[in-house]
């Protein structure tokens, strides 16, 4: 299928996938093309790219060190925010980048720090907002599409007075359909301490973390914003194959089936396999790659990942991928109904009763 569906010539595709295979396996493989490190660093930051690719990435040592120092500053600011929350006795679970930095990297300062994503029980949300508002945090309204703010699990950015911390408050693990089969309480129940973190803040279990990597990558239509999730997922799979952690694949398959996101989970795993991940131990329900039109679209995504989105992305790409790869029919129908309602009454993305600062 790849030969007939790929827009890249075989040599260019192989060169791009060599970068991904080095991430997936942690081993030297085919020589990397000139500029490979810079292309990866545009998505992961130079510190992570330098560690993932080693000297073969050809990154400037000064750029790697500056990236690490910036990540260290960002981590320290996020830890200060977390310390305030924990001192007030508000339970939270760290999600996404902050959790991955400690769970999957030998040094948390290798991973770029974006938003600080925290899961909080809905009943504790207002207490968390009031606590940080007293410290100078305020909601900032960011541009949205014509149907308004679309997330159903979080809000507009809650930003510190100096702008150094962008807090993403989650009251569900991810947007619909994930909460249909993964609850806030389930994530809290399985959460575990972040190794090496000086604070007693937990992160999601490996199984929950992988599920959220997949759901977030699908939400990004497996586009450029999914690259960091894919890198984290490949590192998690590496550690699982090394026996350092365990993912409950049968539970994951059943949870995705009940929640109506089995299709995007399969697609994500198929993409990781194309990147060199060892998926031989997956149950049959998760190891079936898409075929037909969906299979051809998967090859287009592989091309985009191989050339690190040099071609760019179009609205047509997003539409095709939602139709063929990222949503089951009932979920796509619900999403489009929500968009139609948003055209009439766009959601602000602010919690009810709150205003932007």
C-alpha atoms as a PDB file:
ATOM      1  CA  UNK A   1       0.000   0.000   0.000  1.00  0.00           C
ATOM      2  CA  UNK A   2       2.813   2.430   0.885  1.00  0.00           C
ATOM      3  CA  UNK A   3       4.293   2.416  -2.624  1.00  0.00           C
ATOM      4  CA  UNK A   4       1.029   3.416  -4.272  1.00  0.00           C
ATOM      5  CA  UNK A   5      -0.253   5.779  -1.583  1.00  0.00           C
ATOM      6  CA  UNK A   6       2.904   7.668  -0.609  1.00  0.00           C
ATOM      7  CA  UNK A   7       3.509  11.143  -2.034  1.00  0.00           C
ATOM      8  CA  UNK A   8       7.160  10.940  -0.931  1.00  0.00           C
ATOM      9  CA  UNK A   9       9.804   9.176  -2.941  1.00  0.00           C
ATOM     10  CA  UNK A  10      11.032   5.988  -1.201  1.00  0.00           C
ATOM     11  CA  UNK A  11      14.380   7.486  -0.194  1.00  0.00           C
ATOM     12  CA  UNK A  12      12.810  10.551   1.450  1.00  0.00           C
ATOM     13  CA  UNK A  13      10.272   8.452   3.306  1.00  0.00           C
ATOM     14  CA  UNK A  14      12.941   6.021   4.515  1.00  0.00           C
ATOM     15  CA  UNK A  15      15.125   8.906   5.709  1.00  0.00           C
ATOM     16  CA  UNK A  16      12.274  10.441   7.687  1.00  0.00           C
ATOM     17  CA  UNK A  17      11.175   7.155   9.209  1.00  0.00           C
ATOM     18  CA  UNK A  18      14.774   6.451  10.263  1.00  0.00           C
ATOM     19  CA  UNK A  19      14.395   9.315  12.756  1.00  0.00           C
ATOM     20  CA  UNK A  20      11.210   7.802  14.146  1.00  0.00           C
ATOM     21  CA  UNK A  21      12.741   4.308  14.352  1.00  0.00           C
ATOM     22  CA  UNK A  22      15.625   5.632  16.388  1.00  0.00           C
ATOM     23  CA  UNK A  23      13.097   7.132  18.819  1.00  0.00           C
ATOM     24  CA  UNK A  24      11.050   3.923  18.876  1.00  0.00           C
ATOM     25  CA  UNK A  25      13.955   1.566  19.492  1.00  0.00           C
ATOM     26  CA  UNK A  26      16.618   3.673  21.176  1.00  0.00           C
ATOM     27  CA  UNK A  27      19.164   2.038  18.874  1.00  0.00           C
ATOM     28  CA  UNK A  28      21.323   3.288  16.045  1.00  0.00           C
ATOM     29  CA  UNK A  29      19.939   2.289  12.682  1.00  0.00           C
ATOM     30  CA  UNK A  30      20.133   3.788   9.249  1.00  0.00           C
ATOM     31  CA  UNK A  31      22.260   6.957   9.058  1.00  0.00           C
ATOM     32  CA  UNK A  32      20.221  10.088   9.599  1.00  0.00           C
ATOM     33  CA  UNK A  33      19.881  12.686   6.880  1.00  0.00           C
ATOM     34  CA  UNK A  34      21.523  16.095   7.368  1.00  0.00           C
ATOM     35  CA  UNK A  35      19.250  18.387   9.346  1.00  0.00           C
ATOM     36  CA  UNK A  36      17.326  15.524  10.983  1.00  0.00           C
ATOM     37  CA  UNK A  37      17.985  16.870  14.456  1.00  0.00           C
ATOM     38  CA  UNK A  38      16.760  20.364  13.619  1.00  0.00           C
ATOM     39  CA  UNK A  39      13.578  19.001  12.059  1.00  0.00           C
ATOM     40  CA  UNK A  40      12.765  16.972  15.151  1.00  0.00           C
ATOM     41  CA  UNK A  41      13.792  19.811  17.485  1.00  0.00           C
ATOM     42  CA  UNK A  42      11.220  22.086  15.859  1.00  0.00           C
ATOM     43  CA  UNK A  43       8.594  19.878  17.538  1.00  0.00           C
ATOM     44  CA  UNK A  44      10.270  18.506  20.673  1.00  0.00           C
ATOM     45  CA  UNK A  45      12.826  21.179  21.519  1.00  0.00           C
ATOM     46  CA  UNK A  46      16.565  20.756  21.074  1.00  0.00           C
ATOM     47  CA  UNK A  47      17.178  19.119  24.468  1.00  0.00           C
ATOM     48  CA  UNK A  48      14.821  16.222  23.758  1.00  0.00           C
ATOM     49  CA  UNK A  49      15.946  15.878  20.137  1.00  0.00           C
ATOM     50  CA  UNK A  50      19.585  15.795  21.212  1.00  0.00           C
ATOM     51  CA  UNK A  51      18.899  12.987  23.670  1.00  0.00           C
ATOM     52  CA  UNK A  52      16.636  11.031  21.333  1.00  0.00           C
ATOM     53  CA  UNK A  53      18.989  11.092  18.342  1.00  0.00           C
ATOM     54  CA  UNK A  54      22.400  11.441  19.963  1.00  0.00           C
ATOM     55  CA  UNK A  55      25.353  12.736  17.946  1.00  0.00           C
ATOM     56  CA  UNK A  56      23.725  11.462  14.738  1.00  0.00           C
ATOM     57  CA  UNK A  57      21.184  14.268  15.052  1.00  0.00           C
ATOM     58  CA  UNK A  58      23.899  16.836  14.411  1.00  0.00           C
ATOM     59  CA  UNK A  59      22.475  19.380  16.837  1.00  0.00           C
ATOM     60  CA  UNK A  60      24.548  22.276  18.127  1.00  0.00           C
ATOM     61  CA  UNK A  61      25.607  21.587  21.722  1.00  0.00           C
ATOM     62  CA  UNK A  62      24.882  25.167  22.718  1.00  0.00           C
ATOM     63  CA  UNK A  63      21.331  24.963  21.394  1.00  0.00           C
ATOM     64  CA  UNK A  64      20.778  21.733  23.325  1.00  0.00           C
ATOM     65  CA  UNK A  65      22.033  23.284  26.566  1.00  0.00           C
ATOM     66  CA  UNK A  66      19.956  26.445  26.117  1.00  0.00           C
ATOM     67  CA  UNK A  67      16.884  24.305  25.532  1.00  0.00           C
ATOM     68  CA  UNK A  68      17.560  22.319  28.691  1.00  0.00           C
ATOM     69  CA  UNK A  69      18.004  25.487  30.746  1.00  0.00           C
ATOM     70  CA  UNK A  70      14.753  26.942  29.416  1.00  0.00           C
ATOM     71  CA  UNK A  71      12.958  23.682  30.261  1.00  0.00           C
ATOM     72  CA  UNK A  72      14.434  23.790  33.769  1.00  0.00           C
ATOM     73  CA  UNK A  73      13.109  27.314  34.298  1.00  0.00           C
ATOM     74  CA  UNK A  74       9.670  26.306  32.991  1.00  0.00           C
ATOM     75  CA  UNK A  75       9.614  23.239  35.230  1.00  0.00           C
ATOM     76  CA  UNK A  76      10.557  25.277  38.300  1.00  0.00           C
ATOM     77  CA  UNK A  77       7.726  27.746  37.666  1.00  0.00           C
ATOM     78  CA  UNK A  78       5.224  24.914  37.231  1.00  0.00           C
ATOM     79  CA  UNK A  79       6.459  23.216  40.378  1.00  0.00           C
ATOM     80  CA  UNK A  80       5.960  26.469  42.307  1.00  0.00           C
ATOM     81  CA  UNK A  81       2.358  26.585  41.082  1.00  0.00           C
ATOM     82  CA  UNK A  82       1.851  22.945  42.048  1.00  0.00           C
ATOM     83  CA  UNK A  83       3.359  23.546  45.486  1.00  0.00           C
ATOM     84  CA  UNK A  84       0.734  26.235  46.131  1.00  0.00           C
ATOM     85  CA  UNK A  85      -2.058  23.881  45.084  1.00  0.00           C
ATOM     86  CA  UNK A  86      -0.783  20.958  47.153  1.00  0.00           C
ATOM     87  CA  UNK A  87      -0.223  23.157  50.214  1.00  0.00           C
ATOM     88  CA  UNK A  88      -3.913  24.076  50.046  1.00  0.00           C
ATOM     89  CA  UNK A  89      -4.845  20.390  50.110  1.00  0.00           C
ATOM     90  CA  UNK A  90      -6.406  20.304  46.635  1.00  0.00           C
ATOM     91  CA  UNK A  91      -5.840  16.885  45.024  1.00  0.00           C
ATOM     92  CA  UNK A  92      -4.730  16.972  41.381  1.00  0.00           C
ATOM     93  CA  UNK A  93      -3.222  14.590  38.840  1.00  0.00           C
ATOM     94  CA  UNK A  94      -0.610  15.980  36.450  1.00  0.00           C
ATOM     95  CA  UNK A  95      -1.287  15.070  32.823  1.00  0.00           C
ATOM     96  CA  UNK A  96       0.510  15.281  29.469  1.00  0.00           C
ATOM     97  CA  UNK A  97       3.892  17.011  29.271  1.00  0.00           C
ATOM     98  CA  UNK A  98       4.642  17.609  32.946  1.00  0.00           C
ATOM     99  CA  UNK A  99       3.852  13.996  33.842  1.00  0.00           C
ATOM    100  CA  UNK A 100       5.675  12.598  30.805  1.00  0.00           C
ATOM    101  CA  UNK A 101       8.819  14.573  31.644  1.00  0.00           C
ATOM    102  CA  UNK A 102       9.216  12.618  34.890  1.00  0.00           C
ATOM    103  CA  UNK A 103       7.728   9.306  33.814  1.00  0.00           C
ATOM    104  CA  UNK A 104       9.471   8.791  30.465  1.00  0.00           C
ATOM    105  CA  UNK A 105      12.691  10.838  30.321  1.00  0.00           C
ATOM    106  CA  UNK A 106      15.920  10.226  32.267  1.00  0.00           C
ATOM    107  CA  UNK A 107      16.014  13.948  33.082  1.00  0.00           C
ATOM    108  CA  UNK A 108      12.720  15.892  33.193  1.00  0.00           C
ATOM    109  CA  UNK A 109      14.478  18.951  31.784  1.00  0.00           C
ATOM    110  CA  UNK A 110      14.915  17.148  28.470  1.00  0.00           C
ATOM    111  CA  UNK A 111      11.228  17.511  27.691  1.00  0.00           C
ATOM    112  CA  UNK A 112       9.821  20.834  26.607  1.00  0.00           C
ATOM    113  CA  UNK A 113       7.233  22.196  29.039  1.00  0.00           C
ATOM    114  CA  UNK A 114       4.086  23.645  27.521  1.00  0.00           C
ATOM    115  CA  UNK A 115       0.835  24.067  29.399  1.00  0.00           C
ATOM    116  CA  UNK A 116       0.618  22.689  32.913  1.00  0.00           C
ATOM    117  CA  UNK A 117      -2.269  20.244  32.493  1.00  0.00           C
ATOM    118  CA  UNK A 118      -3.906  19.300  35.790  1.00  0.00           C
ATOM    119  CA  UNK A 119      -6.882  17.034  36.368  1.00  0.00           C
ATOM    120  CA  UNK A 120      -9.040  18.200  39.269  1.00  0.00           C
ATOM    121  CA  UNK A 121     -12.298  16.814  40.578  1.00  0.00           C
ATOM    122  CA  UNK A 122     -15.178  19.034  39.412  1.00  0.00           C
ATOM    123  CA  UNK A 123     -16.149  19.704  43.032  1.00  0.00           C
ATOM    124  CA  UNK A 124     -12.666  21.170  43.675  1.00  0.00           C
ATOM    125  CA  UNK A 125     -12.516  23.315  40.537  1.00  0.00           C
ATOM    126  CA  UNK A 126     -13.748  26.575  42.019  1.00  0.00           C
ATOM    127  CA  UNK A 127     -11.485  26.248  45.053  1.00  0.00           C
ATOM    128  CA  UNK A 128      -8.506  25.775  42.746  1.00  0.00           C
ATOM    129  CA  UNK A 129      -9.456  28.811  40.657  1.00  0.00           C
ATOM    130  CA  UNK A 130      -9.981  31.004  43.731  1.00  0.00           C
ATOM    131  CA  UNK A 131      -6.649  29.921  45.218  1.00  0.00           C
ATOM    132  CA  UNK A 132      -4.651  30.781  42.116  1.00  0.00           C
ATOM    133  CA  UNK A 133      -6.656  33.910  41.295  1.00  0.00           C
ATOM    134  CA  UNK A 134      -5.471  35.265  44.643  1.00  0.00           C
ATOM    135  CA  UNK A 135      -1.925  34.622  43.372  1.00  0.00           C
ATOM    136  CA  UNK A 136      -2.565  36.663  40.209  1.00  0.00           C
ATOM    137  CA  UNK A 137      -3.756  33.987  37.795  1.00  0.00           C
ATOM    138  CA  UNK A 138      -6.470  34.971  35.325  1.00  0.00           C
ATOM    139  CA  UNK A 139      -8.241  33.405  32.354  1.00  0.00           C
ATOM    140  CA  UNK A 140      -7.072  34.558  28.938  1.00  0.00           C
ATOM    141  CA  UNK A 141      -9.360  34.187  25.952  1.00  0.00           C
ATOM    142  CA  UNK A 142      -7.595  32.719  22.930  1.00  0.00           C
ATOM    143  CA  UNK A 143      -8.945  32.798  19.362  1.00  0.00           C
ATOM    144  CA  UNK A 144     -11.443  30.067  18.495  1.00  0.00           C
ATOM    145  CA  UNK A 145     -13.142  28.825  15.353  1.00  0.00           C
ATOM    146  CA  UNK A 146     -16.576  29.981  14.199  1.00  0.00           C
ATOM    147  CA  UNK A 147     -18.239  27.462  16.539  1.00  0.00           C
ATOM    148  CA  UNK A 148     -16.447  28.738  19.639  1.00  0.00           C
ATOM    149  CA  UNK A 149     -14.399  26.886  22.222  1.00  0.00           C
ATOM    150  CA  UNK A 150     -14.752  23.164  21.552  1.00  0.00           C
ATOM    151  CA  UNK A 151     -13.115  21.416  24.500  1.00  0.00           C
ATOM    152  CA  UNK A 152     -15.555  19.789  26.897  1.00  0.00           C
ATOM    153  CA  UNK A 153     -12.897  18.708  29.398  1.00  0.00           C
ATOM    154  CA  UNK A 154     -10.987  21.935  30.058  1.00  0.00           C
ATOM    155  CA  UNK A 155     -11.167  25.710  29.758  1.00  0.00           C
ATOM    156  CA  UNK A 156      -9.374  28.693  28.316  1.00  0.00           C
ATOM    157  CA  UNK A 157      -5.798  29.136  29.609  1.00  0.00           C
ATOM    158  CA  UNK A 158      -5.490  30.182  33.257  1.00  0.00           C
ATOM    159  CA  UNK A 159      -2.283  32.220  33.195  1.00  0.00           C
ATOM    160  CA  UNK A 160       0.013  33.499  35.936  1.00  0.00           C
ATOM    161  CA  UNK A 161       0.507  37.245  36.336  1.00  0.00           C
ATOM    162  CA  UNK A 162       3.990  37.096  34.792  1.00  0.00           C
ATOM    163  CA  UNK A 163       2.828  34.850  31.944  1.00  0.00           C
ATOM    164  CA  UNK A 164       5.303  32.084  32.783  1.00  0.00           C
ATOM    165  CA  UNK A 165       2.707  29.445  33.709  1.00  0.00           C
ATOM    166  CA  UNK A 166      -0.205  28.533  31.472  1.00  0.00           C
ATOM    167  CA  UNK A 167      -2.497  26.270  33.490  1.00  0.00           C
ATOM    168  CA  UNK A 168      -4.942  24.011  31.669  1.00  0.00           C
ATOM    169  CA  UNK A 169      -7.582  22.961  34.205  1.00  0.00           C
ATOM    170  CA  UNK A 170      -9.144  19.610  33.306  1.00  0.00           C
ATOM    171  CA  UNK A 171     -12.384  18.418  34.884  1.00  0.00           C
ATOM    172  CA  UNK A 172     -12.367  15.247  32.763  1.00  0.00           C
ATOM    173  CA  UNK A 173      -9.439  13.166  31.486  1.00  0.00           C
ATOM    174  CA  UNK A 174     -10.089  14.313  27.897  1.00  0.00           C
ATOM    175  CA  UNK A 175     -12.893  15.500  25.644  1.00  0.00           C
ATOM    176  CA  UNK A 176     -15.783  13.292  24.590  1.00  0.00           C
ATOM    177  CA  UNK A 177     -15.957  10.405  23.963  1.00  0.00           C
ATOM    178  CA  UNK A 178     -13.207   9.504  26.488  1.00  0.00           C
ATOM    179  CA  UNK A 179     -15.235  10.258  29.678  1.00  0.00           C
ATOM    180  CA  UNK A 180     -17.831   7.697  28.579  1.00  0.00           C
ATOM    181  CA  UNK A 181     -15.423   4.946  29.655  1.00  0.00           C
ATOM    182  CA  UNK A 182     -12.673   6.664  31.669  1.00  0.00           C
ATOM    183  CA  UNK A 183     -13.797   8.690  34.663  1.00  0.00           C
ATOM    184  CA  UNK A 184     -12.005  11.268  36.758  1.00  0.00           C
ATOM    185  CA  UNK A 185     -12.161   8.938  39.744  1.00  0.00           C
ATOM    186  CA  UNK A 186     -10.615   6.075  37.763  1.00  0.00           C
ATOM    187  CA  UNK A 187      -7.634   8.256  36.848  1.00  0.00           C
ATOM    188  CA  UNK A 188      -7.208   9.379  40.465  1.00  0.00           C
ATOM    189  CA  UNK A 189      -7.496   5.797  41.724  1.00  0.00           C
ATOM    190  CA  UNK A 190      -4.729   4.499  39.439  1.00  0.00           C
ATOM    191  CA  UNK A 191      -2.458   7.568  39.604  1.00  0.00           C
ATOM    192  CA  UNK A 192       1.041   7.110  40.966  1.00  0.00           C
ATOM    193  CA  UNK A 193       3.863   9.379  42.188  1.00  0.00           C
ATOM    194  CA  UNK A 194       6.042  10.995  39.539  1.00  0.00           C
ATOM    195  CA  UNK A 195       9.543   9.519  39.848  1.00  0.00           C
ATOM    196  CA  UNK A 196      12.144  12.122  40.728  1.00  0.00           C
ATOM    197  CA  UNK A 197       9.641  14.910  41.339  1.00  0.00           C
ATOM    198  CA  UNK A 198      10.218  16.801  44.592  1.00  0.00           C
ATOM    199  CA  UNK A 199       6.466  17.265  44.999  1.00  0.00           C
ATOM    200  CA  UNK A 200       3.902  14.665  46.004  1.00  0.00           C
ATOM    201  CA  UNK A 201       1.931  15.095  42.800  1.00  0.00           C
ATOM    202  CA  UNK A 202       0.851  11.963  40.935  1.00  0.00           C
ATOM    203  CA  UNK A 203       0.647  11.270  37.225  1.00  0.00           C
ATOM    204  CA  UNK A 204      -1.575   8.838  35.350  1.00  0.00           C
ATOM    205  CA  UNK A 205      -0.882   5.115  35.258  1.00  0.00           C
ATOM    206  CA  UNK A 206       0.971   3.866  32.154  1.00  0.00           C
ATOM    207  CA  UNK A 207      -2.268   2.446  30.764  1.00  0.00           C
ATOM    208  CA  UNK A 208      -4.187   5.675  31.283  1.00  0.00           C
ATOM    209  CA  UNK A 209      -1.249   7.727  29.972  1.00  0.00           C
ATOM    210  CA  UNK A 210      -1.150   5.733  26.743  1.00  0.00           C
ATOM    211  CA  UNK A 211      -4.902   6.053  26.296  1.00  0.00           C
ATOM    212  CA  UNK A 212      -4.617   9.831  26.665  1.00  0.00           C
ATOM    213  CA  UNK A 213      -1.685  10.026  24.240  1.00  0.00           C
ATOM    214  CA  UNK A 214      -3.881   8.269  21.684  1.00  0.00           C
ATOM    215  CA  UNK A 215      -7.008  10.326  22.340  1.00  0.00           C
ATOM    216  CA  UNK A 216      -5.111  13.612  22.202  1.00  0.00           C
ATOM    217  CA  UNK A 217      -3.292  12.630  19.007  1.00  0.00           C
ATOM    218  CA  UNK A 218      -6.639  11.734  17.429  1.00  0.00           C
ATOM    219  CA  UNK A 219      -8.090  15.060  18.591  1.00  0.00           C
ATOM    220  CA  UNK A 220      -5.169  16.690  16.757  1.00  0.00           C
ATOM    221  CA  UNK A 221      -6.138  14.657  13.646  1.00  0.00           C
ATOM    222  CA  UNK A 222      -2.697  13.017  13.867  1.00  0.00           C
ATOM    223  CA  UNK A 223      -1.317  16.338  12.651  1.00  0.00           C
ATOM    224  CA  UNK A 224       1.703  18.403  13.662  1.00  0.00           C
ATOM    225  CA  UNK A 225       0.452  18.910  17.232  1.00  0.00           C
ATOM    226  CA  UNK A 226       0.421  15.129  17.724  1.00  0.00           C
ATOM    227  CA  UNK A 227       4.197  14.731  17.285  1.00  0.00           C
ATOM    228  CA  UNK A 228       5.073  15.184  20.974  1.00  0.00           C
ATOM    229  CA  UNK A 229       2.317  12.740  21.971  1.00  0.00           C
ATOM    230  CA  UNK A 230       3.694  10.206  19.502  1.00  0.00           C
ATOM    231  CA  UNK A 231       7.231  10.628  20.846  1.00  0.00           C
ATOM    232  CA  UNK A 232       6.012  10.145  24.424  1.00  0.00           C
ATOM    233  CA  UNK A 233       3.981   7.090  23.390  1.00  0.00           C
ATOM    234  CA  UNK A 234       7.022   5.539  21.689  1.00  0.00           C
ATOM    235  CA  UNK A 235       9.100   6.091  24.830  1.00  0.00           C
ATOM    236  CA  UNK A 236       6.377   4.486  26.930  1.00  0.00           C
ATOM    237  CA  UNK A 237       6.303   1.460  24.606  1.00  0.00           C
ATOM    238  CA  UNK A 238      10.098   1.199  24.810  1.00  0.00           C
ATOM    239  CA  UNK A 239       9.916   1.052  28.591  1.00  0.00           C
ATOM    240  CA  UNK A 240       7.082  -1.455  28.488  1.00  0.00           C
ATOM    241  CA  UNK A 241       9.044  -3.787  26.200  1.00  0.00           C
ATOM    242  CA  UNK A 242      12.019  -3.454  28.564  1.00  0.00           C
ATOM    243  CA  UNK A 243       9.816  -4.604  31.450  1.00  0.00           C
ATOM    244  CA  UNK A 244      10.065  -1.286  33.282  1.00  0.00           C
ATOM    245  CA  UNK A 245       6.311  -0.658  33.293  1.00  0.00           C
ATOM    246  CA  UNK A 246       3.128  -2.434  32.240  1.00  0.00           C
ATOM    247  CA  UNK A 247       0.221  -1.465  30.004  1.00  0.00           C
ATOM    248  CA  UNK A 248      -3.026  -3.405  30.365  1.00  0.00           C
ATOM    249  CA  UNK A 249      -3.799  -3.834  26.671  1.00  0.00           C
ATOM    250  CA  UNK A 250      -6.963  -5.960  27.050  1.00  0.00           C
ATOM    251  CA  UNK A 251      -8.397  -3.345  29.434  1.00  0.00           C
ATOM    252  CA  UNK A 252      -7.399  -0.588  27.028  1.00  0.00           C
ATOM    253  CA  UNK A 253      -9.118  -2.323  24.105  1.00  0.00           C
ATOM    254  CA  UNK A 254     -12.316  -2.888  26.076  1.00  0.00           C
ATOM    255  CA  UNK A 255     -12.332   0.661  27.464  1.00  0.00           C
ATOM    256  CA  UNK A 256     -11.872   2.155  23.994  1.00  0.00           C
ATOM    257  CA  UNK A 257     -14.590  -0.099  22.596  1.00  0.00           C
ATOM    258  CA  UNK A 258     -17.060   0.964  25.305  1.00  0.00           C
ATOM    259  CA  UNK A 259     -16.146   4.618  24.836  1.00  0.00           C
ATOM    260  CA  UNK A 260     -16.412   4.471  21.032  1.00  0.00           C
ATOM    261  CA  UNK A 261     -12.808   5.397  20.286  1.00  0.00           C
ATOM    262  CA  UNK A 262     -11.417   1.990  19.323  1.00  0.00           C
ATOM    263  CA  UNK A 263     -10.874   3.128  15.720  1.00  0.00           C
ATOM    264  CA  UNK A 264      -8.540   6.053  16.522  1.00  0.00           C
ATOM    265  CA  UNK A 265      -6.683   3.911  19.073  1.00  0.00           C
ATOM    266  CA  UNK A 266      -6.008   1.302  16.377  1.00  0.00           C
ATOM    267  CA  UNK A 267      -4.878   4.020  13.962  1.00  0.00           C
ATOM    268  CA  UNK A 268      -2.497   5.486  16.548  1.00  0.00           C
ATOM    269  CA  UNK A 269      -0.986   2.069  17.201  1.00  0.00           C
ATOM    270  CA  UNK A 270      -0.658   1.435  13.458  1.00  0.00           C
ATOM    271  CA  UNK A 271       1.202   4.742  13.095  1.00  0.00           C
ATOM    272  CA  UNK A 272       3.533   3.881  15.964  1.00  0.00           C
ATOM    273  CA  UNK A 273       4.194   0.503  14.350  1.00  0.00           C
ATOM    274  CA  UNK A 274       5.139   2.266  11.108  1.00  0.00           C
ATOM    275  CA  UNK A 275       7.556   4.321  13.210  1.00  0.00           C
ATOM    276  CA  UNK A 276       9.279   1.153  14.389  1.00  0.00           C
ATOM    277  CA  UNK A 277       7.465   0.388  17.645  1.00  0.00           C
ATOM    278  CA  UNK A 278       7.244  -3.261  18.676  1.00  0.00           C
ATOM    279  CA  UNK A 279       3.509  -3.970  18.810  1.00  0.00           C
ATOM    280  CA  UNK A 280       3.776  -7.759  18.500  1.00  0.00           C
ATOM    281  CA  UNK A 281       2.219  -8.362  21.915  1.00  0.00           C
ATOM    282  CA  UNK A 282      -0.983  -6.428  21.216  1.00  0.00           C
ATOM    283  CA  UNK A 283      -4.293  -8.288  21.334  1.00  0.00           C
ATOM    284  CA  UNK A 284      -5.876  -8.876  17.905  1.00  0.00           C
ATOM    285  CA  UNK A 285      -8.543  -6.259  18.596  1.00  0.00           C
ATOM    286  CA  UNK A 286      -5.854  -3.557  18.647  1.00  0.00           C
ATOM    287  CA  UNK A 287      -3.508  -4.835  15.964  1.00  0.00           C
ATOM    288  CA  UNK A 288      -5.726  -4.508  12.902  1.00  0.00           C
ATOM    289  CA  UNK A 289      -4.505  -1.567  10.785  1.00  0.00           C
ATOM    290  CA  UNK A 290      -6.995   0.421   8.719  1.00  0.00           C
ATOM    291  CA  UNK A 291      -7.671  -0.752   5.164  1.00  0.00           C
ATOM    292  CA  UNK A 292      -9.191   0.714   2.004  1.00  0.00           C
ATOM    293  CA  UNK A 293      -9.655   4.484   1.986  1.00  0.00           C
ATOM    294  CA  UNK A 294      -8.638   4.656   5.641  1.00  0.00           C
ATOM    295  CA  UNK A 295      -5.467   2.734   4.867  1.00  0.00           C
ATOM    296  CA  UNK A 296      -4.555   5.132   2.092  1.00  0.00           C
ATOM    297  CA  UNK A 297      -5.159   8.081   4.392  1.00  0.00           C
ATOM    298  CA  UNK A 298      -2.937   6.430   6.986  1.00  0.00           C
ATOM    299  CA  UNK A 299      -0.142   6.395   4.402  1.00  0.00           C
ATOM    300  CA  UNK A 300      -0.593  10.136   3.894  1.00  0.00           C
ATOM    301  CA  UNK A 301      -0.194  10.636   7.641  1.00  0.00           C
ATOM    302  CA  UNK A 302       2.955   8.483   7.591  1.00  0.00           C
ATOM    303  CA  UNK A 303       4.284  10.783   4.863  1.00  0.00           C
ATOM    304  CA  UNK A 304       3.550  13.838   7.004  1.00  0.00           C
ATOM    305  CA  UNK A 305       5.284  12.317  10.007  1.00  0.00           C
ATOM    306  CA  UNK A 306       8.240  11.235   7.848  1.00  0.00           C
ATOM    307  CA  UNK A 307       8.852  14.738   6.498  1.00  0.00           C
ATOM    308  CA  UNK A 308       7.791  16.443   9.745  1.00  0.00           C
ATOM    309  CA  UNK A 309       4.938  18.306   8.061  1.00  0.00           C
ATOM    310  CA  UNK A 310       7.113  20.140   5.572  1.00  0.00           C
ATOM    311  CA  UNK A 311       4.149  20.126   3.161  1.00  0.00           C
ATOM    312  CA  UNK A 312       1.880  21.782   5.716  1.00  0.00           C
ATOM    313  CA  UNK A 313      -1.694  20.786   6.509  1.00  0.00           C
ATOM    314  CA  UNK A 314      -4.950  21.792   4.878  1.00  0.00           C
ATOM    315  CA  UNK A 315      -8.538  21.950   6.063  1.00  0.00           C
ATOM    316  CA  UNK A 316      -9.191  19.097   3.645  1.00  0.00           C
ATOM    317  CA  UNK A 317      -6.618  16.970   5.466  1.00  0.00           C
ATOM    318  CA  UNK A 318      -8.455  17.530   8.745  1.00  0.00           C
ATOM    319  CA  UNK A 319     -11.823  16.672   7.230  1.00  0.00           C
ATOM    320  CA  UNK A 320     -10.561  13.464   5.605  1.00  0.00           C
ATOM    321  CA  UNK A 321      -8.813  12.332   8.742  1.00  0.00           C
ATOM    322  CA  UNK A 322     -11.800  12.943  10.945  1.00  0.00           C
ATOM    323  CA  UNK A 323     -13.958  10.961   8.538  1.00  0.00           C
ATOM    324  CA  UNK A 324     -11.525   8.093   7.969  1.00  0.00           C
ATOM    325  CA  UNK A 325      -9.211   7.866  10.979  1.00  0.00           C
ATOM    326  CA  UNK A 326     -10.026   9.802  14.118  1.00  0.00           C
ATOM    327  CA  UNK A 327     -13.687   9.290  14.976  1.00  0.00           C
ATOM    328  CA  UNK A 328     -16.262   6.534  14.887  1.00  0.00           C
ATOM    329  CA  UNK A 329     -19.486   7.481  13.056  1.00  0.00           C
ATOM    330  CA  UNK A 330     -21.585   8.194  16.146  1.00  0.00           C
ATOM    331  CA  UNK A 331     -18.812  10.325  17.638  1.00  0.00           C
ATOM    332  CA  UNK A 332     -18.341  12.270  14.406  1.00  0.00           C
ATOM    333  CA  UNK A 333     -22.082  12.923  14.307  1.00  0.00           C
ATOM    334  CA  UNK A 334     -22.019  14.206  17.896  1.00  0.00           C
ATOM    335  CA  UNK A 335     -18.987  16.396  17.163  1.00  0.00           C
ATOM    336  CA  UNK A 336     -20.613  17.981  14.137  1.00  0.00           C
ATOM    337  CA  UNK A 337     -23.868  18.551  16.023  1.00  0.00           C
ATOM    338  CA  UNK A 338     -21.869  20.353  18.723  1.00  0.00           C
ATOM    339  CA  UNK A 339     -20.241  22.502  16.030  1.00  0.00           C
ATOM    340  CA  UNK A 340     -23.607  23.388  14.538  1.00  0.00           C
ATOM    341  CA  UNK A 341     -24.874  24.442  17.959  1.00  0.00           C
ATOM    342  CA  UNK A 342     -21.681  26.430  18.429  1.00  0.00           C
ATOM    343  CA  UNK A 343     -22.345  28.393  15.252  1.00  0.00           C
ATOM    344  CA  UNK A 344     -25.564  29.617  16.850  1.00  0.00           C
ATOM    345  CA  UNK A 345     -24.243  29.993  20.381  1.00  0.00           C
ATOM    346  CA  UNK A 346     -20.433  29.788  20.525  1.00  0.00           C
ATOM    347  CA  UNK A 347     -18.964  28.590  23.825  1.00  0.00           C
ATOM    348  CA  UNK A 348     -16.539  30.992  25.485  1.00  0.00           C
ATOM    349  CA  UNK A 349     -14.389  28.341  27.134  1.00  0.00           C
ATOM    350  CA  UNK A 350     -14.699  30.079  30.496  1.00  0.00           C
ATOM    351  CA  UNK A 351     -16.196  28.312  33.513  1.00  0.00           C
ATOM    352  CA  UNK A 352     -19.710  29.519  34.185  1.00  0.00           C
ATOM    353  CA  UNK A 353     -19.637  32.671  36.267  1.00  0.00           C
ATOM    354  CA  UNK A 354     -16.031  33.581  35.412  1.00  0.00           C
ATOM    355  CA  UNK A 355     -14.624  36.288  33.178  1.00  0.00           C
ATOM    356  CA  UNK A 356     -11.303  36.731  31.443  1.00  0.00           C
ATOM    357  CA  UNK A 357      -8.738  38.785  33.315  1.00  0.00           C
END
